[in-house]
Each structure stands twice: as structure tokens, then as C-alpha cells.
Amino acid sequence: QVQLQESGGASVQAGGSVRLSCSISGNTYITYAVGWFRKSDDAEVREGVAVIDSYGGTTYADAIKGRFTISLDTAKNIVHLQMDSLKPEDTAMYYCALDFKAHSLHGDFSYGDADPEEWAPLFGYWGQGTQVTVSS
């Protein structure tokens, strides 16, 4: 059974940095993608932040491009999200999730061409989330 566990959430001031980690267990899929999502209190859906596939290909939402970096440690089955130059609007619960069908690798979906709010339905396994709060 696939399980994902986020860690690293924190409260920081604007301009600061946070590094989130997503530990994945039970993943036997050869090709897959892992995404980071976030949901703020006033949002209705989880919006995509960044995605990395099993070959290391990455896609970022425009809202965080240039400030966040996603990386995959295949040996440890951990996906990191390095968040720099944080803004108050980055405050949210952050989730990691697994797309075990690897839609982007099979040409079924292009994260870069879609609204980040459309990414979530492609991911079948989710973690419980970790809170990031950015104060001004």
C-alpha cells in the first residue's frame, strides 16, 4: 500500500525559506509522478505547486516559478520542495501526492498547459499535509 508523509512545515517571516519533505513508502510503480499541492483557508480546491516525474522532469505553477524547487531522491524515496523568498500568500496546508499512472509521461496530460487547479484529480495517493505559515 502506498503511503506518503509530509514533514518540514513551519512558520516563517516573509522572505524566508522552508524545505518540505515527502517520504513515500510502498511505491512499486516504475513510472510515476509526485506533486506538491497547497490549499489555503479561503481556497475551495487544492492547487498544484510543482510536479516531478520518475525521470526527473519538472513542472512548476506560475505563482511559485523561480522561488520553489522540487527534487526527487529515488534512493531514499523522498521528494523535497525547497521554498525560498516566501510570501504571505504562500501560507497554506501543503500536500504531496502520487500520480501512479504517470499521465504526463504517457502523453495523457500536460501539467504546464493546464490550470494548476486541474492537476489534483490525476493523483491517486495523498499525504495528510503539513502547514506553512508566512507572516509579513
N, C-alpha and C. Protein backbone atom coordinates (compact mmCIF):
# COMPACT_ATOMS: atom_id res chain seq x y z
N GLN A 1 0.85 -1.19 0.00
CA GLN A 1 0.00 0.00 0.00
C GLN A 1 0.89 1.24 0.00
N VAL A 2 0.57 2.16 -0.89
CA VAL A 2 1.36 3.38 -0.99
C VAL A 2 0.97 4.34 0.12
N GLN A 3 1.97 4.89 0.77
CA GLN A 3 1.73 5.89 1.80
C GLN A 3 2.69 7.05 1.61
N LEU A 4 2.20 8.26 1.83
CA LEU A 4 3.01 9.46 1.73
C LEU A 4 2.92 10.23 3.03
N GLN A 5 4.04 10.76 3.47
CA GLN A 5 4.08 11.50 4.72
C GLN A 5 4.89 12.78 4.52
N GLU A 6 4.23 13.93 4.72
CA GLU A 6 4.92 15.20 4.60
C GLU A 6 5.55 15.60 5.93
N SER A 7 6.60 16.39 5.84
CA SER A 7 7.23 16.96 7.03
C SER A 7 7.92 18.26 6.63
N GLY A 8 8.26 19.04 7.63
CA GLY A 8 9.03 20.26 7.40
C GLY A 8 8.24 21.55 7.46
N GLY A 9 6.93 21.46 7.65
CA GLY A 9 6.15 22.68 7.73
C GLY A 9 6.62 23.58 8.87
N ALA A 10 6.47 24.89 8.68
CA ALA A 10 6.96 25.83 9.69
C ALA A 10 6.26 27.17 9.55
N SER A 11 6.49 28.02 10.54
CA SER A 11 6.05 29.41 10.50
C SER A 11 7.28 30.28 10.31
N VAL A 12 7.28 31.08 9.25
CA VAL A 12 8.44 31.92 8.93
C VAL A 12 7.97 33.32 8.55
N GLN A 13 8.91 34.23 8.50
CA GLN A 13 8.60 35.58 8.05
C GLN A 13 8.77 35.67 6.53
N ALA A 14 8.12 36.65 5.96
CA ALA A 14 8.24 36.87 4.53
C ALA A 14 9.70 37.02 4.13
N GLY A 15 10.04 36.40 3.02
CA GLY A 15 11.42 36.40 2.56
C GLY A 15 12.22 35.20 3.02
N GLY A 16 11.66 34.44 3.95
CA GLY A 16 12.35 33.29 4.49
C GLY A 16 12.22 32.06 3.61
N SER A 17 12.78 30.96 4.11
CA SER A 17 12.80 29.69 3.36
C SER A 17 12.31 28.55 4.22
N VAL A 18 11.72 27.58 3.56
CA VAL A 18 11.28 26.34 4.20
C VAL A 18 11.54 25.20 3.23
N ARG A 19 11.94 24.07 3.77
CA ARG A 19 12.15 22.87 2.95
C ARG A 19 11.20 21.79 3.42
N LEU A 20 10.30 21.41 2.53
CA LEU A 20 9.35 20.34 2.82
C LEU A 20 9.88 19.01 2.29
N SER A 21 9.54 17.94 2.98
CA SER A 21 9.91 16.60 2.54
C SER A 21 8.68 15.72 2.45
N CYS A 22 8.68 14.85 1.49
CA CYS A 22 7.60 13.88 1.30
C CYS A 22 8.24 12.50 1.24
N SER A 23 8.01 11.70 2.28
CA SER A 23 8.53 10.33 2.32
C SER A 23 7.49 9.39 1.75
N ILE A 24 7.90 8.58 0.80
CA ILE A 24 6.98 7.68 0.11
C ILE A 24 7.36 6.23 0.42
N SER A 25 6.37 5.45 0.82
CA SER A 25 6.59 4.03 1.08
C SER A 25 5.60 3.20 0.27
N GLY A 26 6.00 1.99 -0.06
CA GLY A 26 5.11 1.09 -0.77
C GLY A 26 4.94 1.38 -2.24
N ASN A 27 5.77 2.26 -2.80
CA ASN A 27 5.62 2.60 -4.22
C ASN A 27 6.38 1.59 -5.07
N THR A 28 5.64 0.81 -5.86
CA THR A 28 6.26 -0.18 -6.73
C THR A 28 6.13 0.18 -8.21
N TYR A 29 5.61 1.37 -8.47
CA TYR A 29 5.43 1.79 -9.85
C TYR A 29 6.77 2.21 -10.46
N ILE A 30 6.99 1.79 -11.70
CA ILE A 30 8.24 2.10 -12.37
C ILE A 30 8.24 3.55 -12.85
N THR A 31 7.14 3.95 -13.43
CA THR A 31 6.98 5.33 -13.87
C THR A 31 5.86 5.97 -13.06
N TYR A 32 6.10 7.18 -12.63
CA TYR A 32 5.13 7.86 -11.77
C TYR A 32 5.49 9.33 -11.73
N ALA A 33 4.66 10.09 -11.07
CA ALA A 33 4.96 11.49 -10.82
C ALA A 33 4.54 11.82 -9.39
N VAL A 34 5.24 12.72 -8.79
CA VAL A 34 4.92 13.18 -7.44
C VAL A 34 4.69 14.68 -7.51
N GLY A 35 3.63 15.12 -6.91
CA GLY A 35 3.30 16.53 -6.93
C GLY A 35 3.17 17.11 -5.54
N TRP A 36 3.44 18.38 -5.45
CA TRP A 36 3.14 19.15 -4.25
C TRP A 36 1.95 20.05 -4.55
N PHE A 37 1.03 20.10 -3.61
CA PHE A 37 -0.16 20.90 -3.73
C PHE A 37 -0.31 21.75 -2.48
N ARG A 38 -1.17 22.75 -2.55
CA ARG A 38 -1.45 23.54 -1.36
C ARG A 38 -2.90 23.99 -1.37
N LYS A 39 -3.40 24.19 -0.16
CA LYS A 39 -4.76 24.70 0.00
C LYS A 39 -4.76 25.70 1.15
N SER A 40 -5.12 26.92 0.83
CA SER A 40 -5.25 27.94 1.86
C SER A 40 -6.66 27.88 2.45
N ASP A 41 -6.86 28.58 3.55
CA ASP A 41 -8.16 28.51 4.24
C ASP A 41 -9.30 29.01 3.37
N ASP A 42 -9.02 29.98 2.51
CA ASP A 42 -10.10 30.55 1.72
C ASP A 42 -10.20 29.95 0.32
N ALA A 43 -9.43 28.90 0.07
CA ALA A 43 -9.49 28.26 -1.24
C ALA A 43 -10.47 27.08 -1.21
N GLU A 44 -11.08 26.83 -2.35
CA GLU A 44 -12.04 25.73 -2.41
C GLU A 44 -11.37 24.41 -2.79
N VAL A 45 -10.28 24.49 -3.56
CA VAL A 45 -9.62 23.28 -4.03
C VAL A 45 -8.12 23.38 -3.77
N ARG A 46 -7.48 22.24 -3.85
CA ARG A 46 -6.02 22.22 -3.75
C ARG A 46 -5.44 22.60 -5.11
N GLU A 47 -4.52 23.54 -5.09
CA GLU A 47 -3.88 23.94 -6.33
C GLU A 47 -2.50 23.30 -6.44
N GLY A 48 -2.14 22.93 -7.64
CA GLY A 48 -0.83 22.36 -7.87
C GLY A 48 0.26 23.39 -7.71
N VAL A 49 1.38 22.96 -7.16
CA VAL A 49 2.53 23.83 -6.95
C VAL A 49 3.68 23.39 -7.85
N ALA A 50 4.02 22.11 -7.78
CA ALA A 50 5.13 21.59 -8.59
C ALA A 50 4.96 20.08 -8.74
N VAL A 51 5.46 19.58 -9.85
CA VAL A 51 5.40 18.14 -10.12
C VAL A 51 6.76 17.67 -10.62
N ILE A 52 7.15 16.47 -10.20
CA ILE A 52 8.36 15.85 -10.73
C ILE A 52 8.03 14.42 -11.11
N ASP A 53 8.50 14.00 -12.29
CA ASP A 53 8.22 12.62 -12.70
C ASP A 53 9.43 11.74 -12.38
N SER A 54 9.26 10.46 -12.61
CA SER A 54 10.29 9.48 -12.23
C SER A 54 11.56 9.60 -13.04
N TYR A 55 11.52 10.40 -14.12
CA TYR A 55 12.73 10.66 -14.90
C TYR A 55 13.38 11.99 -14.53
N GLY A 56 12.74 12.68 -13.59
CA GLY A 56 13.30 13.95 -13.14
C GLY A 56 12.75 15.18 -13.83
N GLY A 57 11.79 14.99 -14.73
CA GLY A 57 11.19 16.14 -15.38
C GLY A 57 10.32 16.92 -14.41
N THR A 58 10.39 18.24 -14.47
CA THR A 58 9.67 19.08 -13.52
C THR A 58 8.74 20.07 -14.21
N THR A 59 7.68 20.42 -13.49
CA THR A 59 6.76 21.46 -13.92
C THR A 59 6.41 22.30 -12.69
N TYR A 60 6.35 23.60 -12.88
CA TYR A 60 6.04 24.50 -11.77
C TYR A 60 4.84 25.38 -12.12
N ALA A 61 4.04 25.66 -11.12
CA ALA A 61 2.97 26.63 -11.29
C ALA A 61 3.58 28.02 -11.41
N ASP A 62 2.93 28.86 -12.21
CA ASP A 62 3.47 30.21 -12.43
C ASP A 62 3.62 31.00 -11.13
N ALA A 63 2.72 30.75 -10.18
CA ALA A 63 2.72 31.53 -8.93
C ALA A 63 4.00 31.36 -8.12
N ILE A 64 4.69 30.26 -8.30
CA ILE A 64 5.89 29.98 -7.50
C ILE A 64 7.15 29.79 -8.33
N LYS A 65 7.02 29.91 -9.61
CA LYS A 65 8.16 29.67 -10.50
C LYS A 65 9.30 30.61 -10.16
N GLY A 66 10.49 30.05 -10.04
CA GLY A 66 11.66 30.84 -9.70
C GLY A 66 11.92 30.94 -8.21
N ARG A 67 10.95 30.56 -7.40
CA ARG A 67 11.11 30.63 -5.94
C ARG A 67 11.15 29.25 -5.29
N PHE A 68 10.45 28.28 -5.87
CA PHE A 68 10.38 26.93 -5.33
C PHE A 68 11.13 25.97 -6.24
N THR A 69 11.71 24.92 -5.64
CA THR A 69 12.41 23.89 -6.39
C THR A 69 12.00 22.52 -5.87
N ILE A 70 11.55 21.67 -6.78
CA ILE A 70 11.19 20.30 -6.41
C ILE A 70 12.31 19.36 -6.82
N SER A 71 12.58 18.37 -5.98
CA SER A 71 13.64 17.41 -6.29
C SER A 71 13.24 16.03 -5.81
N LEU A 72 13.83 15.02 -6.44
CA LEU A 72 13.48 13.63 -6.16
C LEU A 72 14.73 12.85 -5.80
N ASP A 73 14.73 12.25 -4.62
CA ASP A 73 15.80 11.34 -4.21
C ASP A 73 15.26 9.93 -4.36
N THR A 74 15.57 9.29 -5.49
CA THR A 74 15.00 7.97 -5.76
C THR A 74 15.53 6.90 -4.81
N ALA A 75 16.75 7.06 -4.36
CA ALA A 75 17.33 6.05 -3.45
C ALA A 75 16.59 6.03 -2.12
N LYS A 76 16.17 7.21 -1.66
CA LYS A 76 15.50 7.30 -0.36
C LYS A 76 13.99 7.43 -0.49
N ASN A 77 13.50 7.49 -1.74
CA ASN A 77 12.05 7.66 -1.97
C ASN A 77 11.52 8.89 -1.24
N ILE A 78 12.22 9.99 -1.41
CA ILE A 78 11.81 11.25 -0.80
C ILE A 78 11.77 12.33 -1.88
N VAL A 79 10.74 13.13 -1.82
CA VAL A 79 10.62 14.28 -2.69
C VAL A 79 10.67 15.54 -1.83
N HIS A 80 11.55 16.46 -2.18
CA HIS A 80 11.68 17.70 -1.43
C HIS A 80 11.06 18.86 -2.20
N LEU A 81 10.59 19.83 -1.46
CA LEU A 81 10.16 21.10 -2.03
C LEU A 81 10.88 22.21 -1.28
N GLN A 82 11.87 22.79 -1.94
CA GLN A 82 12.60 23.91 -1.37
C GLN A 82 11.87 25.19 -1.72
N MET A 83 11.45 25.92 -0.70
CA MET A 83 10.66 27.13 -0.91
C MET A 83 11.46 28.33 -0.41
N ASP A 84 11.80 29.21 -1.30
CA ASP A 84 12.58 30.41 -0.97
C ASP A 84 11.76 31.66 -1.28
N SER A 85 12.21 32.78 -0.74
CA SER A 85 11.54 34.07 -0.97
C SER A 85 10.04 33.95 -0.70
N LEU A 86 9.70 33.37 0.42
CA LEU A 86 8.30 33.11 0.74
C LEU A 86 7.52 34.41 0.94
N LYS A 87 6.26 34.35 0.55
CA LYS A 87 5.35 35.48 0.67
C LYS A 87 4.16 35.08 1.55
N PRO A 88 3.50 36.06 2.14
CA PRO A 88 2.31 35.72 2.96
C PRO A 88 1.26 34.91 2.18
N GLU A 89 1.15 35.16 0.90
CA GLU A 89 0.17 34.41 0.10
C GLU A 89 0.56 32.95 -0.13
N ASP A 90 1.76 32.56 0.29
CA ASP A 90 2.16 31.15 0.24
C ASP A 90 1.65 30.37 1.45
N THR A 91 1.05 31.06 2.39
CA THR A 91 0.51 30.39 3.58
C THR A 91 -0.57 29.40 3.16
N ALA A 92 -0.40 28.16 3.58
CA ALA A 92 -1.35 27.11 3.19
C ALA A 92 -0.95 25.79 3.85
N MET A 93 -1.85 24.84 3.75
CA MET A 93 -1.50 23.45 4.05
C MET A 93 -0.92 22.87 2.78
N TYR A 94 0.25 22.25 2.89
CA TYR A 94 0.92 21.69 1.72
C TYR A 94 0.83 20.16 1.76
N TYR A 95 0.48 19.60 0.63
CA TYR A 95 0.29 18.16 0.49
C TYR A 95 1.19 17.62 -0.62
N CYS A 96 1.66 16.40 -0.43
CA CYS A 96 2.30 15.71 -1.55
C CYS A 96 1.39 14.56 -1.99
N ALA A 97 1.50 14.20 -3.24
CA ALA A 97 0.62 13.19 -3.81
C ALA A 97 1.33 12.45 -4.93
N LEU A 98 0.86 11.24 -5.19
CA LEU A 98 1.48 10.35 -6.19
C LEU A 98 0.52 10.11 -7.35
N ASP A 99 1.00 10.36 -8.55
CA ASP A 99 0.27 10.01 -9.78
C ASP A 99 0.86 8.70 -10.28
N PHE A 100 0.26 7.57 -9.94
CA PHE A 100 0.82 6.26 -10.26
C PHE A 100 0.60 5.88 -11.73
N LYS A 101 -0.20 6.66 -12.43
CA LYS A 101 -0.41 6.40 -13.86
C LYS A 101 0.55 7.23 -14.72
N ALA A 102 1.29 8.12 -14.06
CA ALA A 102 2.29 8.92 -14.77
C ALA A 102 1.71 9.55 -16.03
N HIS A 103 0.62 10.27 -15.87
CA HIS A 103 -0.10 10.83 -17.02
C HIS A 103 0.80 11.68 -17.90
N SER A 104 1.66 12.46 -17.31
CA SER A 104 2.49 13.35 -18.12
C SER A 104 3.50 12.57 -18.96
N LEU A 105 3.99 11.46 -18.45
CA LEU A 105 4.97 10.66 -19.19
C LEU A 105 4.32 9.90 -20.33
N HIS A 106 3.04 9.60 -20.20
CA HIS A 106 2.35 8.84 -21.24
C HIS A 106 1.57 9.72 -22.19
N GLY A 107 1.78 11.02 -22.07
CA GLY A 107 1.16 11.93 -23.01
C GLY A 107 -0.31 12.19 -22.77
N ASP A 108 -0.83 11.76 -21.63
CA ASP A 108 -2.26 11.95 -21.35
C ASP A 108 -2.57 13.34 -20.84
N PHE A 109 -1.57 14.01 -20.30
CA PHE A 109 -1.84 15.28 -19.65
C PHE A 109 -0.56 16.09 -19.63
N SER A 110 -0.71 17.40 -19.82
CA SER A 110 0.44 18.31 -19.74
C SER A 110 0.20 19.27 -18.60
N TYR A 111 0.97 19.10 -17.53
CA TYR A 111 0.78 19.99 -16.38
C TYR A 111 1.05 21.43 -16.76
N GLY A 112 2.02 21.64 -17.61
CA GLY A 112 2.38 23.00 -17.97
C GLY A 112 1.31 23.72 -18.77
N ASP A 113 0.44 22.97 -19.45
CA ASP A 113 -0.60 23.57 -20.28
C ASP A 113 -1.93 23.70 -19.54
N ALA A 114 -2.00 23.16 -18.35
CA ALA A 114 -3.26 23.16 -17.61
C ALA A 114 -3.22 24.10 -16.42
N ASP A 115 -4.38 24.51 -15.97
CA ASP A 115 -4.50 25.31 -14.76
C ASP A 115 -4.08 24.42 -13.58
N PRO A 116 -3.25 24.92 -12.66
CA PRO A 116 -2.83 24.09 -11.52
C PRO A 116 -3.98 23.55 -10.69
N GLU A 117 -5.13 24.17 -10.76
CA GLU A 117 -6.28 23.64 -10.03
C GLU A 117 -6.84 22.39 -10.69
N GLU A 118 -6.36 22.07 -11.88
CA GLU A 118 -6.83 20.88 -12.59
C GLU A 118 -5.90 19.69 -12.37
N TRP A 119 -4.79 19.86 -11.65
CA TRP A 119 -3.83 18.77 -11.50
C TRP A 119 -4.32 17.70 -10.51
N ALA A 120 -4.95 18.10 -9.44
CA ALA A 120 -5.22 17.20 -8.32
C ALA A 120 -5.95 15.90 -8.69
N PRO A 121 -6.94 15.93 -9.57
CA PRO A 121 -7.67 14.68 -9.87
C PRO A 121 -6.81 13.58 -10.47
N LEU A 122 -5.62 13.91 -10.95
CA LEU A 122 -4.75 12.90 -11.56
C LEU A 122 -3.95 12.11 -10.52
N PHE A 123 -4.00 12.53 -9.29
CA PHE A 123 -3.18 11.93 -8.24
C PHE A 123 -4.03 11.04 -7.35
N GLY A 124 -3.60 9.78 -7.21
CA GLY A 124 -4.43 8.81 -6.51
C GLY A 124 -4.09 8.60 -5.05
N TYR A 125 -2.88 8.98 -4.65
CA TYR A 125 -2.47 8.79 -3.25
C TYR A 125 -2.03 10.15 -2.69
N TRP A 126 -2.44 10.41 -1.45
CA TRP A 126 -2.18 11.70 -0.83
C TRP A 126 -1.65 11.52 0.58
N GLY A 127 -0.81 12.49 0.98
CA GLY A 127 -0.40 12.57 2.37
C GLY A 127 -1.40 13.40 3.17
N GLN A 128 -1.11 13.57 4.47
CA GLN A 128 -2.01 14.27 5.35
C GLN A 128 -1.80 15.78 5.35
N GLY A 129 -0.66 16.22 4.87
CA GLY A 129 -0.40 17.65 4.78
C GLY A 129 0.49 18.18 5.89
N THR A 130 1.14 19.30 5.61
CA THR A 130 1.97 19.99 6.59
C THR A 130 1.76 21.49 6.39
N GLN A 131 1.63 22.22 7.50
CA GLN A 131 1.25 23.63 7.44
C GLN A 131 2.48 24.53 7.27
N VAL A 132 2.36 25.47 6.34
CA VAL A 132 3.36 26.52 6.17
C VAL A 132 2.66 27.86 6.37
N THR A 133 3.18 28.65 7.29
CA THR A 133 2.60 29.96 7.57
C THR A 133 3.67 31.03 7.37
N VAL A 134 3.36 32.03 6.55
CA VAL A 134 4.31 33.09 6.26
C VAL A 134 3.72 34.40 6.74
N SER A 135 4.41 35.05 7.66
CA SER A 135 3.92 36.31 8.21
C SER A 135 4.64 37.49 7.55
N SER A 136 3.93 38.60 7.48
CA SER A 136 4.50 39.79 6.82
C SER A 136 5.29 40.64 7.80
